[in-house]
Amino acid sequence: MKGFEPFSFLFMADCQLGCYAAFSGLTETDVAEYADKGMAVRVAPQTEGFSWDASQLERAVAAANRLSPDFVVMGGDMVDDPRDDSQYAALSDIVSELEGPSTMHWVPGNHDVAFDTVAPTEDSLLLYRRRFGPDTYAFDHKGAVFVVVNTVVWDHPDRVPGAWSTQLMSLEQELDAARRRGATHLIVMGHHPLFTALPGEFDSYWNIPGERRHVIIDLFRTYGVETMFAGHWHRNGGGMAGDLEVVASGPVGYPLGADPSGFRIVDVTAGGVSHRYVALDEF
């Protein structure tokens, strides 16, 4: 592998065109019920379409053009309804406005790769791959190696028999190959965070089930994965599992917590990986 050069990239997540409309028309009672589930939604008039979400993504793309990172990662939930071709078409049009050296790397989210937005099937995986390309892959950049994973399969593998074991084997092969190539940094990007705060936390909609979570954590630590970036939680979170950092990053689109819409600026230097979350309003 060539010698390492410092660089920066942007990690975005959950632009989710159509999400705002899905949460519109709520009553105060609805908002209270969501609050009991740990989701900070708000009362808003009934809305159709995805103009609000699209405007947020347009702002994020404009910010990326100002910052001119080496590349941008969209960490899943690009659309709200995977069957809605208009959402995907609008997404593609907006992202095509990225300028300069920046390219977009896609990460599969549950709203992209599962027709019921929870559990993928062979057909839903095929549709995702036709639109976005492979749902798992790796790429090298200036001496670092990035591995993109499909956490939707990790979360709900029941409708795609054999997919979990196949992905686990492929992931180990990618990590081993990266280590053999002498990667300066090994970074993983997925949609679901392995955990939102603690490696031993209870299973929830927002994390990977413990039986598979700890298998992945052990694998990452064995091969020296430094950081895993994820979205899904629609707020900022994460934590440490030994020397592995798991980062849950807030949304470009609709927030479900106190953090505003935004994205994460990631700086990769010889000394390590550092990052900071910035609100869209800063731009």
C-alpha atoms as a PDB file:
ATOM      1  CA  MET A   1       0.000   0.000   0.000  1.00  0.00           C
ATOM      2  CA  LYS A   2       1.235   3.496  -0.837  1.00  0.00           C
ATOM      3  CA  GLY A   3       2.450   5.789   1.896  1.00  0.00           C
ATOM      4  CA  PHE A   4      -0.124   7.520   4.037  1.00  0.00           C
ATOM      5  CA  GLU A   5      -1.325  11.089   3.357  1.00  0.00           C
ATOM      6  CA  PRO A   6      -3.603  13.050   5.723  1.00  0.00           C
ATOM      7  CA  PHE A   7      -7.098  13.771   4.416  1.00  0.00           C
ATOM      8  CA  SER A   8     -10.639  14.679   5.413  1.00  0.00           C
ATOM      9  CA  PHE A   9     -14.036  13.295   4.484  1.00  0.00           C
ATOM     10  CA  LEU A  10     -17.648  13.918   5.480  1.00  0.00           C
ATOM     11  CA  PHE A  11     -19.916  11.353   7.082  1.00  0.00           C
ATOM     12  CA  MET A  12     -23.605  12.040   6.560  1.00  0.00           C
ATOM     13  CA  ALA A  13     -26.580   9.846   7.427  1.00  0.00           C
ATOM     14  CA  ASP A  14     -30.361   9.690   7.318  1.00  0.00           C
ATOM     15  CA  CYS A  15     -31.219  12.311   4.735  1.00  0.00           C
ATOM     16  CA  GLN A  16     -34.267  10.019   4.340  1.00  0.00           C
ATOM     17  CA  LEU A  17     -36.360  11.793   1.738  1.00  0.00           C
ATOM     18  CA  GLY A  18     -39.970  11.459   2.891  1.00  0.00           C
ATOM     19  CA  CYS A  19     -39.279  11.172   6.635  1.00  0.00           C
ATOM     20  CA  TYR A  20     -40.643  14.620   7.522  1.00  0.00           C
ATOM     21  CA  ALA A  21     -43.986  13.838   5.907  1.00  0.00           C
ATOM     22  CA  ALA A  22     -44.091  10.471   7.694  1.00  0.00           C
ATOM     23  CA  PHE A  23     -43.902  12.294  11.040  1.00  0.00           C
ATOM     24  CA  SER A  24     -46.273  15.130  10.059  1.00  0.00           C
ATOM     25  CA  GLY A  25     -49.863  15.426  11.201  1.00  0.00           C
ATOM     26  CA  LEU A  26     -49.076  14.253  14.733  1.00  0.00           C
ATOM     27  CA  THR A  27     -51.091  15.324  17.750  1.00  0.00           C
ATOM     28  CA  GLU A  28     -49.751  16.206  21.188  1.00  0.00           C
ATOM     29  CA  THR A  29     -50.786  12.718  22.293  1.00  0.00           C
ATOM     30  CA  ASP A  30     -48.776  11.190  19.447  1.00  0.00           C
ATOM     31  CA  VAL A  31     -45.758  13.286  20.393  1.00  0.00           C
ATOM     32  CA  ALA A  32     -46.019  12.126  24.013  1.00  0.00           C
ATOM     33  CA  GLU A  33     -46.212   8.487  22.930  1.00  0.00           C
ATOM     34  CA  TYR A  34     -43.082   8.883  20.808  1.00  0.00           C
ATOM     35  CA  ALA A  35     -41.361  10.601  23.735  1.00  0.00           C
ATOM     36  CA  ASP A  36     -42.030   7.506  25.847  1.00  0.00           C
ATOM     37  CA  LYS A  37     -40.071   5.587  23.192  1.00  0.00           C
ATOM     38  CA  GLY A  38     -37.173   8.053  23.412  1.00  0.00           C
ATOM     39  CA  MET A  39     -38.018   9.804  20.145  1.00  0.00           C
ATOM     40  CA  ALA A  40     -38.298  13.601  20.107  1.00  0.00           C
ATOM     41  CA  VAL A  41     -40.796  14.304  17.323  1.00  0.00           C
ATOM     42  CA  ARG A  42     -42.888  17.439  17.030  1.00  0.00           C
ATOM     43  CA  VAL A  43     -46.363  18.579  16.076  1.00  0.00           C
ATOM     44  CA  ALA A  44     -46.463  19.672  12.435  1.00  0.00           C
ATOM     45  CA  PRO A  45     -49.197  20.113   9.826  1.00  0.00           C
ATOM     46  CA  GLN A  46     -49.954  17.109   7.634  1.00  0.00           C
ATOM     47  CA  THR A  47     -47.473  17.158   4.765  1.00  0.00           C
ATOM     48  CA  GLU A  48     -47.044  15.142   1.583  1.00  0.00           C
ATOM     49  CA  GLY A  49     -43.919  14.540  -0.452  1.00  0.00           C
ATOM     50  CA  PHE A  50     -40.316  15.141   0.526  1.00  0.00           C
ATOM     51  CA  SER A  51     -39.525  18.804  -0.148  1.00  0.00           C
ATOM     52  CA  TRP A  52     -38.386  19.445   3.459  1.00  0.00           C
ATOM     53  CA  ASP A  53     -35.961  16.511   3.450  1.00  0.00           C
ATOM     54  CA  ALA A  54     -34.714  17.424  -0.035  1.00  0.00           C
ATOM     55  CA  SER A  55     -33.947  20.977   1.084  1.00  0.00           C
ATOM     56  CA  GLN A  56     -31.901  19.610   3.997  1.00  0.00           C
ATOM     57  CA  LEU A  57     -29.888  17.414   1.646  1.00  0.00           C
ATOM     58  CA  GLU A  58     -29.378  20.332  -0.731  1.00  0.00           C
ATOM     59  CA  ARG A  59     -27.931  22.332   2.168  1.00  0.00           C
ATOM     60  CA  ALA A  60     -25.631  19.441   3.077  1.00  0.00           C
ATOM     61  CA  VAL A  61     -24.394  19.120  -0.510  1.00  0.00           C
ATOM     62  CA  ALA A  62     -23.792  22.887  -0.672  1.00  0.00           C
ATOM     63  CA  ALA A  63     -21.790  22.659   2.560  1.00  0.00           C
ATOM     64  CA  ALA A  64     -19.767  19.767   1.137  1.00  0.00           C
ATOM     65  CA  ASN A  65     -18.969  21.855  -1.930  1.00  0.00           C
ATOM     66  CA  ARG A  66     -17.674  24.627   0.320  1.00  0.00           C
ATOM     67  CA  LEU A  67     -15.588  22.247   2.435  1.00  0.00           C
ATOM     68  CA  SER A  68     -14.275  20.218  -0.548  1.00  0.00           C
ATOM     69  CA  PRO A  69     -13.499  16.969   1.304  1.00  0.00           C
ATOM     70  CA  ASP A  70     -11.818  14.049  -0.427  1.00  0.00           C
ATOM     71  CA  PHE A  71     -15.147  12.201  -0.444  1.00  0.00           C
ATOM     72  CA  VAL A  72     -18.551  11.994   1.219  1.00  0.00           C
ATOM     73  CA  VAL A  73     -20.215   8.973   2.816  1.00  0.00           C
ATOM     74  CA  MET A  74     -23.990   8.711   3.126  1.00  0.00           C
ATOM     75  CA  GLY A  75     -24.498   6.277   5.981  1.00  0.00           C
ATOM     76  CA  GLY A  76     -27.858   4.832   5.049  1.00  0.00           C
ATOM     77  CA  ASP A  77     -31.552   5.713   5.002  1.00  0.00           C
ATOM     78  CA  MET A  78     -31.219   7.772   1.877  1.00  0.00           C
ATOM     79  CA  VAL A  79     -34.964   7.430   1.234  1.00  0.00           C
ATOM     80  CA  ASP A  80     -37.933   6.790   3.497  1.00  0.00           C
ATOM     81  CA  ASP A  81     -39.830   4.390   1.204  1.00  0.00           C
ATOM     82  CA  PRO A  82     -37.646   1.999  -0.815  1.00  0.00           C
ATOM     83  CA  ARG A  83     -40.495   1.414  -3.271  1.00  0.00           C
ATOM     84  CA  ASP A  84     -40.836   5.118  -4.142  1.00  0.00           C
ATOM     85  CA  ASP A  85     -38.860   5.762  -7.326  1.00  0.00           C
ATOM     86  CA  SER A  86     -39.455   9.513  -7.065  1.00  0.00           C
ATOM     87  CA  GLN A  87     -37.563   9.687  -3.775  1.00  0.00           C
ATOM     88  CA  TYR A  88     -34.603   7.890  -5.318  1.00  0.00           C
ATOM     89  CA  ALA A  89     -34.700  10.095  -8.434  1.00  0.00           C
ATOM     90  CA  ALA A  90     -34.681  13.282  -6.337  1.00  0.00           C
ATOM     91  CA  LEU A  91     -31.843  11.931  -4.208  1.00  0.00           C
ATOM     92  CA  SER A  92     -29.769  11.213  -7.313  1.00  0.00           C
ATOM     93  CA  ASP A  93     -30.417  14.670  -8.755  1.00  0.00           C
ATOM     94  CA  ILE A  94     -29.367  16.451  -5.566  1.00  0.00           C
ATOM     95  CA  VAL A  95     -26.230  14.380  -5.018  1.00  0.00           C
ATOM     96  CA  SER A  96     -25.192  14.966  -8.632  1.00  0.00           C
ATOM     97  CA  GLU A  97     -24.517  18.572  -7.567  1.00  0.00           C
ATOM     98  CA  LEU A  98     -21.418  17.507  -5.602  1.00  0.00           C
ATOM     99  CA  GLU A  99     -18.455  19.386  -7.038  1.00  0.00           C
ATOM    100  CA  GLY A 100     -14.689  19.088  -7.189  1.00  0.00           C
ATOM    101  CA  PRO A 101     -12.995  15.907  -5.997  1.00  0.00           C
ATOM    102  CA  SER A 102     -15.890  14.826  -3.787  1.00  0.00           C
ATOM    103  CA  THR A 103     -17.566  11.525  -4.610  1.00  0.00           C
ATOM    104  CA  MET A 104     -20.402   9.825  -2.736  1.00  0.00           C
ATOM    105  CA  HIS A 105     -20.020   6.416  -1.126  1.00  0.00           C
ATOM    106  CA  TRP A 106     -23.366   4.792  -0.289  1.00  0.00           C
ATOM    107  CA  VAL A 107     -24.093   2.693   2.808  1.00  0.00           C
ATOM    108  CA  PRO A 108     -27.314   0.611   2.975  1.00  0.00           C
ATOM    109  CA  GLY A 109     -29.876   1.594   5.601  1.00  0.00           C
ATOM    110  CA  ASN A 110     -33.022  -0.232   6.641  1.00  0.00           C
ATOM    111  CA  HIS A 111     -35.221   2.233   4.719  1.00  0.00           C
ATOM    112  CA  ASP A 112     -33.156   1.591   1.573  1.00  0.00           C
ATOM    113  CA  VAL A 113     -32.756  -2.161   1.629  1.00  0.00           C
ATOM    114  CA  ALA A 114     -35.900  -3.573   3.280  1.00  0.00           C
ATOM    115  CA  PHE A 115     -39.384  -3.187   1.820  1.00  0.00           C
ATOM    116  CA  ASP A 116     -40.871  -3.192   5.329  1.00  0.00           C
ATOM    117  CA  THR A 117     -37.983  -0.903   6.438  1.00  0.00           C
ATOM    118  CA  VAL A 118     -36.831  -3.557   8.921  1.00  0.00           C
ATOM    119  CA  ALA A 119     -35.948  -6.968   7.463  1.00  0.00           C
ATOM    120  CA  PRO A 120     -34.319  -7.293   4.020  1.00  0.00           C
ATOM    121  CA  THR A 121     -35.292  -9.929   1.488  1.00  0.00           C
ATOM    122  CA  GLU A 122     -33.490 -11.187  -1.604  1.00  0.00           C
ATOM    123  CA  ASP A 123     -35.723  -8.972  -3.775  1.00  0.00           C
ATOM    124  CA  SER A 124     -35.166  -5.855  -1.683  1.00  0.00           C
ATOM    125  CA  LEU A 125     -31.401  -6.429  -1.718  1.00  0.00           C
ATOM    126  CA  LEU A 126     -31.468  -6.772  -5.499  1.00  0.00           C
ATOM    127  CA  LEU A 127     -33.350  -3.486  -5.854  1.00  0.00           C
ATOM    128  CA  TYR A 128     -30.811  -1.723  -3.611  1.00  0.00           C
ATOM    129  CA  ARG A 129     -27.877  -3.097  -5.617  1.00  0.00           C
ATOM    130  CA  ARG A 130     -29.468  -2.025  -8.887  1.00  0.00           C
ATOM    131  CA  ARG A 131     -29.839   1.530  -7.585  1.00  0.00           C
ATOM    132  CA  PHE A 132     -26.752   2.065  -5.459  1.00  0.00           C
ATOM    133  CA  GLY A 133     -24.286  -0.718  -6.273  1.00  0.00           C
ATOM    134  CA  PRO A 134     -22.867  -3.313  -3.868  1.00  0.00           C
ATOM    135  CA  ASP A 135     -24.247  -3.318  -0.329  1.00  0.00           C
ATOM    136  CA  THR A 136     -20.854  -4.424   1.054  1.00  0.00           C
ATOM    137  CA  TYR A 137     -17.494  -3.319  -0.330  1.00  0.00           C
ATOM    138  CA  ALA A 138     -14.126  -1.845   0.590  1.00  0.00           C
ATOM    139  CA  PHE A 139     -11.918   0.874  -0.833  1.00  0.00           C
ATOM    140  CA  ASP A 140      -8.446   2.273  -0.162  1.00  0.00           C
ATOM    141  CA  HIS A 141      -7.720   5.965   0.192  1.00  0.00           C
ATOM    142  CA  LYS A 142      -4.291   7.500   0.791  1.00  0.00           C
ATOM    143  CA  GLY A 143      -3.094   4.597   2.936  1.00  0.00           C
ATOM    144  CA  ALA A 144      -6.335   4.014   4.858  1.00  0.00           C
ATOM    145  CA  VAL A 145      -8.848   1.258   4.186  1.00  0.00           C
ATOM    146  CA  PHE A 146     -12.612   1.750   4.425  1.00  0.00           C
ATOM    147  CA  VAL A 147     -15.023  -1.165   4.724  1.00  0.00           C
ATOM    148  CA  VAL A 148     -18.725  -0.610   4.066  1.00  0.00           C
ATOM    149  CA  VAL A 149     -21.026  -3.130   5.761  1.00  0.00           C
ATOM    150  CA  ASN A 150     -24.719  -4.007   5.554  1.00  0.00           C
ATOM    151  CA  THR A 151     -25.876  -3.744   9.157  1.00  0.00           C
ATOM    152  CA  VAL A 152     -29.487  -4.290   8.085  1.00  0.00           C
ATOM    153  CA  VAL A 153     -28.612  -7.946   7.501  1.00  0.00           C
ATOM    154  CA  TRP A 154     -26.800  -8.022  10.869  1.00  0.00           C
ATOM    155  CA  ASP A 155     -29.916  -6.643  12.531  1.00  0.00           C
ATOM    156  CA  HIS A 156     -32.531  -8.874  10.820  1.00  0.00           C
ATOM    157  CA  PRO A 157     -31.001 -11.769   8.848  1.00  0.00           C
ATOM    158  CA  ASP A 158     -34.063 -14.039   9.128  1.00  0.00           C
ATOM    159  CA  ARG A 159     -35.464 -13.428   5.607  1.00  0.00           C
ATOM    160  CA  VAL A 160     -32.138 -13.843   3.820  1.00  0.00           C
ATOM    161  CA  PRO A 161     -30.916 -17.286   4.945  1.00  0.00           C
ATOM    162  CA  GLY A 162     -27.143 -17.574   5.014  1.00  0.00           C
ATOM    163  CA  ALA A 163     -26.549 -13.850   4.493  1.00  0.00           C
ATOM    164  CA  TRP A 164     -25.272 -13.205   8.034  1.00  0.00           C
ATOM    165  CA  SER A 165     -22.670 -15.992   7.904  1.00  0.00           C
ATOM    166  CA  THR A 166     -21.664 -15.035   4.361  1.00  0.00           C
ATOM    167  CA  GLN A 167     -21.204 -11.389   5.285  1.00  0.00           C
ATOM    168  CA  LEU A 168     -19.294 -12.299   8.417  1.00  0.00           C
ATOM    169  CA  MET A 169     -16.871 -14.423   6.416  1.00  0.00           C
ATOM    170  CA  SER A 170     -16.478 -11.758   3.739  1.00  0.00           C
ATOM    171  CA  LEU A 171     -15.938  -9.067   6.373  1.00  0.00           C
ATOM    172  CA  GLU A 172     -13.155 -11.033   8.033  1.00  0.00           C
ATOM    173  CA  GLN A 173     -11.507 -11.540   4.655  1.00  0.00           C
ATOM    174  CA  GLU A 174     -11.649  -7.794   3.925  1.00  0.00           C
ATOM    175  CA  LEU A 175     -10.202  -6.925   7.330  1.00  0.00           C
ATOM    176  CA  ASP A 176      -7.441  -9.489   7.007  1.00  0.00           C
ATOM    177  CA  ALA A 177      -6.570  -8.252   3.519  1.00  0.00           C
ATOM    178  CA  ALA A 178      -6.431  -4.658   4.771  1.00  0.00           C
ATOM    179  CA  ARG A 179      -4.084  -5.597   7.580  1.00  0.00           C
ATOM    180  CA  ARG A 180      -1.855  -7.542   5.176  1.00  0.00           C
ATOM    181  CA  ARG A 181      -1.678  -4.524   2.864  1.00  0.00           C
ATOM    182  CA  GLY A 182      -0.395  -2.460   5.751  1.00  0.00           C
ATOM    183  CA  ALA A 183      -3.319  -0.062   6.130  1.00  0.00           C
ATOM    184  CA  THR A 184      -2.435   2.896   8.343  1.00  0.00           C
ATOM    185  CA  HIS A 185      -6.056   3.148   9.471  1.00  0.00           C
ATOM    186  CA  LEU A 186      -8.944   0.706   9.206  1.00  0.00           C
ATOM    187  CA  ILE A 187     -12.376   2.365   9.304  1.00  0.00           C
ATOM    188  CA  VAL A 188     -15.803   0.728   9.010  1.00  0.00           C
ATOM    189  CA  MET A 189     -18.962   2.465   7.862  1.00  0.00           C
ATOM    190  CA  GLY A 190     -22.462   1.074   8.417  1.00  0.00           C
ATOM    191  CA  HIS A 191     -25.973   2.237   9.194  1.00  0.00           C
ATOM    192  CA  HIS A 192     -26.919   0.726  12.578  1.00  0.00           C
ATOM    193  CA  PRO A 193     -24.465   1.488  15.367  1.00  0.00           C
ATOM    194  CA  LEU A 194     -23.268  -1.608  17.183  1.00  0.00           C
ATOM    195  CA  PHE A 195     -24.404   0.207  20.331  1.00  0.00           C
ATOM    196  CA  THR A 196     -25.637   3.708  21.139  1.00  0.00           C
ATOM    197  CA  ALA A 197     -23.739   4.188  24.403  1.00  0.00           C
ATOM    198  CA  LEU A 198     -22.299   0.975  25.901  1.00  0.00           C
ATOM    199  CA  PRO A 199     -21.181  -2.343  24.365  1.00  0.00           C
ATOM    200  CA  GLY A 200     -23.281  -4.270  26.893  1.00  0.00           C
ATOM    201  CA  GLU A 201     -26.493  -2.254  26.583  1.00  0.00           C
ATOM    202  CA  PHE A 202     -29.862  -3.958  26.129  1.00  0.00           C
ATOM    203  CA  ASP A 203     -31.040  -4.828  22.635  1.00  0.00           C
ATOM    204  CA  SER A 204     -33.267  -2.219  21.018  1.00  0.00           C
ATOM    205  CA  TYR A 205     -34.467  -1.021  17.642  1.00  0.00           C
ATOM    206  CA  TRP A 206     -31.444   1.286  17.542  1.00  0.00           C
ATOM    207  CA  ASN A 207     -28.553  -1.171  17.985  1.00  0.00           C
ATOM    208  CA  ILE A 208     -27.339  -4.536  16.708  1.00  0.00           C
ATOM    209  CA  PRO A 209     -28.635  -7.494  18.772  1.00  0.00           C
ATOM    210  CA  GLY A 210     -26.128  -8.550  21.407  1.00  0.00           C
ATOM    211  CA  GLU A 211     -25.628 -12.085  20.077  1.00  0.00           C
ATOM    212  CA  ARG A 212     -24.224 -10.659  16.835  1.00  0.00           C
ATOM    213  CA  ARG A 213     -22.943  -7.359  18.245  1.00  0.00           C
ATOM    214  CA  HIS A 214     -20.265  -9.014  20.357  1.00  0.00           C
ATOM    215  CA  VAL A 215     -19.130 -11.231  17.488  1.00  0.00           C
ATOM    216  CA  ILE A 216     -18.539  -8.104  15.400  1.00  0.00           C
ATOM    217  CA  ILE A 217     -16.845  -6.205  18.217  1.00  0.00           C
ATOM    218  CA  ASP A 218     -14.441  -9.099  18.782  1.00  0.00           C
ATOM    219  CA  LEU A 219     -13.719  -9.280  15.050  1.00  0.00           C
ATOM    220  CA  PHE A 220     -13.092  -5.549  14.769  1.00  0.00           C
ATOM    221  CA  ARG A 221     -10.770  -5.521  17.742  1.00  0.00           C
ATOM    222  CA  THR A 222      -8.872  -8.576  16.487  1.00  0.00           C
ATOM    223  CA  TYR A 223      -8.075  -6.851  13.191  1.00  0.00           C
ATOM    224  CA  GLY A 224      -7.488  -3.384  14.588  1.00  0.00           C
ATOM    225  CA  VAL A 225     -10.538  -1.486  13.354  1.00  0.00           C
ATOM    226  CA  GLU A 226     -10.120   1.987  14.771  1.00  0.00           C
ATOM    227  CA  THR A 227     -13.531   3.567  14.228  1.00  0.00           C
ATOM    228  CA  MET A 228     -16.996   2.543  13.050  1.00  0.00           C
ATOM    229  CA  PHE A 229     -19.225   5.358  11.801  1.00  0.00           C
ATOM    230  CA  ALA A 230     -22.992   4.818  11.723  1.00  0.00           C
ATOM    231  CA  GLY A 231     -26.294   6.684  11.627  1.00  0.00           C
ATOM    232  CA  HIS A 232     -29.810   5.281  12.231  1.00  0.00           C
ATOM    233  CA  TRP A 233     -30.296   6.810  15.692  1.00  0.00           C
ATOM    234  CA  HIS A 234     -31.088  10.283  14.278  1.00  0.00           C
ATOM    235  CA  ARG A 235     -28.974  11.820  17.036  1.00  0.00           C
ATOM    236  CA  ASN A 236     -25.366  11.638  18.223  1.00  0.00           C
ATOM    237  CA  GLY A 237     -24.119   8.813  20.395  1.00  0.00           C
ATOM    238  CA  GLY A 238     -21.783   5.862  20.534  1.00  0.00           C
ATOM    239  CA  GLY A 239     -18.883   4.997  22.784  1.00  0.00           C
ATOM    240  CA  MET A 240     -15.833   2.795  23.227  1.00  0.00           C
ATOM    241  CA  ALA A 241     -15.398  -0.962  23.228  1.00  0.00           C
ATOM    242  CA  GLY A 242     -11.796  -1.207  24.337  1.00  0.00           C
ATOM    243  CA  ASP A 243      -9.830   0.616  21.635  1.00  0.00           C
ATOM    244  CA  LEU A 244     -12.690   0.511  19.122  1.00  0.00           C
ATOM    245  CA  GLU A 245     -14.747   3.702  18.813  1.00  0.00           C
ATOM    246  CA  VAL A 246     -18.354   3.405  17.635  1.00  0.00           C
ATOM    247  CA  VAL A 247     -19.805   6.704  16.420  1.00  0.00           C
ATOM    248  CA  ALA A 248     -23.554   7.193  15.976  1.00  0.00           C
ATOM    249  CA  SER A 249     -23.900  10.376  13.958  1.00  0.00           C
ATOM    250  CA  GLY A 250     -26.909  12.680  13.784  1.00  0.00           C
ATOM    251  CA  PRO A 251     -29.077  13.079  10.679  1.00  0.00           C
ATOM    252  CA  VAL A 252     -28.928  15.346   7.692  1.00  0.00           C
ATOM    253  CA  GLY A 253     -32.718  15.060   7.809  1.00  0.00           C
ATOM    254  CA  TYR A 254     -35.266  14.753  10.607  1.00  0.00           C
ATOM    255  CA  PRO A 255     -33.730  14.658  14.138  1.00  0.00           C
ATOM    256  CA  LEU A 256     -35.174  12.397  16.840  1.00  0.00           C
ATOM    257  CA  GLY A 257     -33.208  13.877  19.705  1.00  0.00           C
ATOM    258  CA  ALA A 258     -31.673  17.144  20.880  1.00  0.00           C
ATOM    259  CA  ASP A 259     -29.000  17.246  18.171  1.00  0.00           C
ATOM    260  CA  PRO A 260     -29.757  19.391  15.115  1.00  0.00           C
ATOM    261  CA  SER A 261     -29.652  18.245  11.516  1.00  0.00           C
ATOM    262  CA  GLY A 262     -26.040  18.061  10.403  1.00  0.00           C
ATOM    263  CA  PHE A 263     -23.118  15.860   9.445  1.00  0.00           C
ATOM    264  CA  ARG A 264     -19.687  14.877  10.683  1.00  0.00           C
ATOM    265  CA  ILE A 265     -16.330  16.196   9.492  1.00  0.00           C
ATOM    266  CA  VAL A 266     -13.682  13.491   9.826  1.00  0.00           C
ATOM    267  CA  ASP A 267      -9.946  14.212   9.762  1.00  0.00           C
ATOM    268  CA  VAL A 268      -7.594  11.290   9.225  1.00  0.00           C
ATOM    269  CA  THR A 269      -3.955  11.911  10.127  1.00  0.00           C
ATOM    270  CA  ALA A 270      -1.011   9.673  10.861  1.00  0.00           C
ATOM    271  CA  GLY A 271      -1.833  10.070  14.542  1.00  0.00           C
ATOM    272  CA  GLY A 272      -5.434   8.899  14.354  1.00  0.00           C
ATOM    273  CA  VAL A 273      -9.009   9.620  13.361  1.00  0.00           C
ATOM    274  CA  SER A 274     -10.729  12.710  14.771  1.00  0.00           C
ATOM    275  CA  HIS A 275     -14.196  14.018  14.034  1.00  0.00           C
ATOM    276  CA  ARG A 276     -16.705  16.693  14.946  1.00  0.00           C
ATOM    277  CA  TYR A 277     -20.411  17.073  14.310  1.00  0.00           C
ATOM    278  CA  VAL A 278     -21.533  20.299  12.648  1.00  0.00           C
ATOM    279  CA  ALA A 279     -25.083  21.584  12.275  1.00  0.00           C
ATOM    280  CA  LEU A 280     -26.420  22.523   8.859  1.00  0.00           C
ATOM    281  CA  ASP A 281     -27.259  25.917  10.335  1.00  0.00           C
ATOM    282  CA  GLU A 282     -23.533  26.613  10.606  1.00  0.00           C
ATOM    283  CA  PHE A 283     -23.459  26.855   6.823  1.00  0.00           C
END
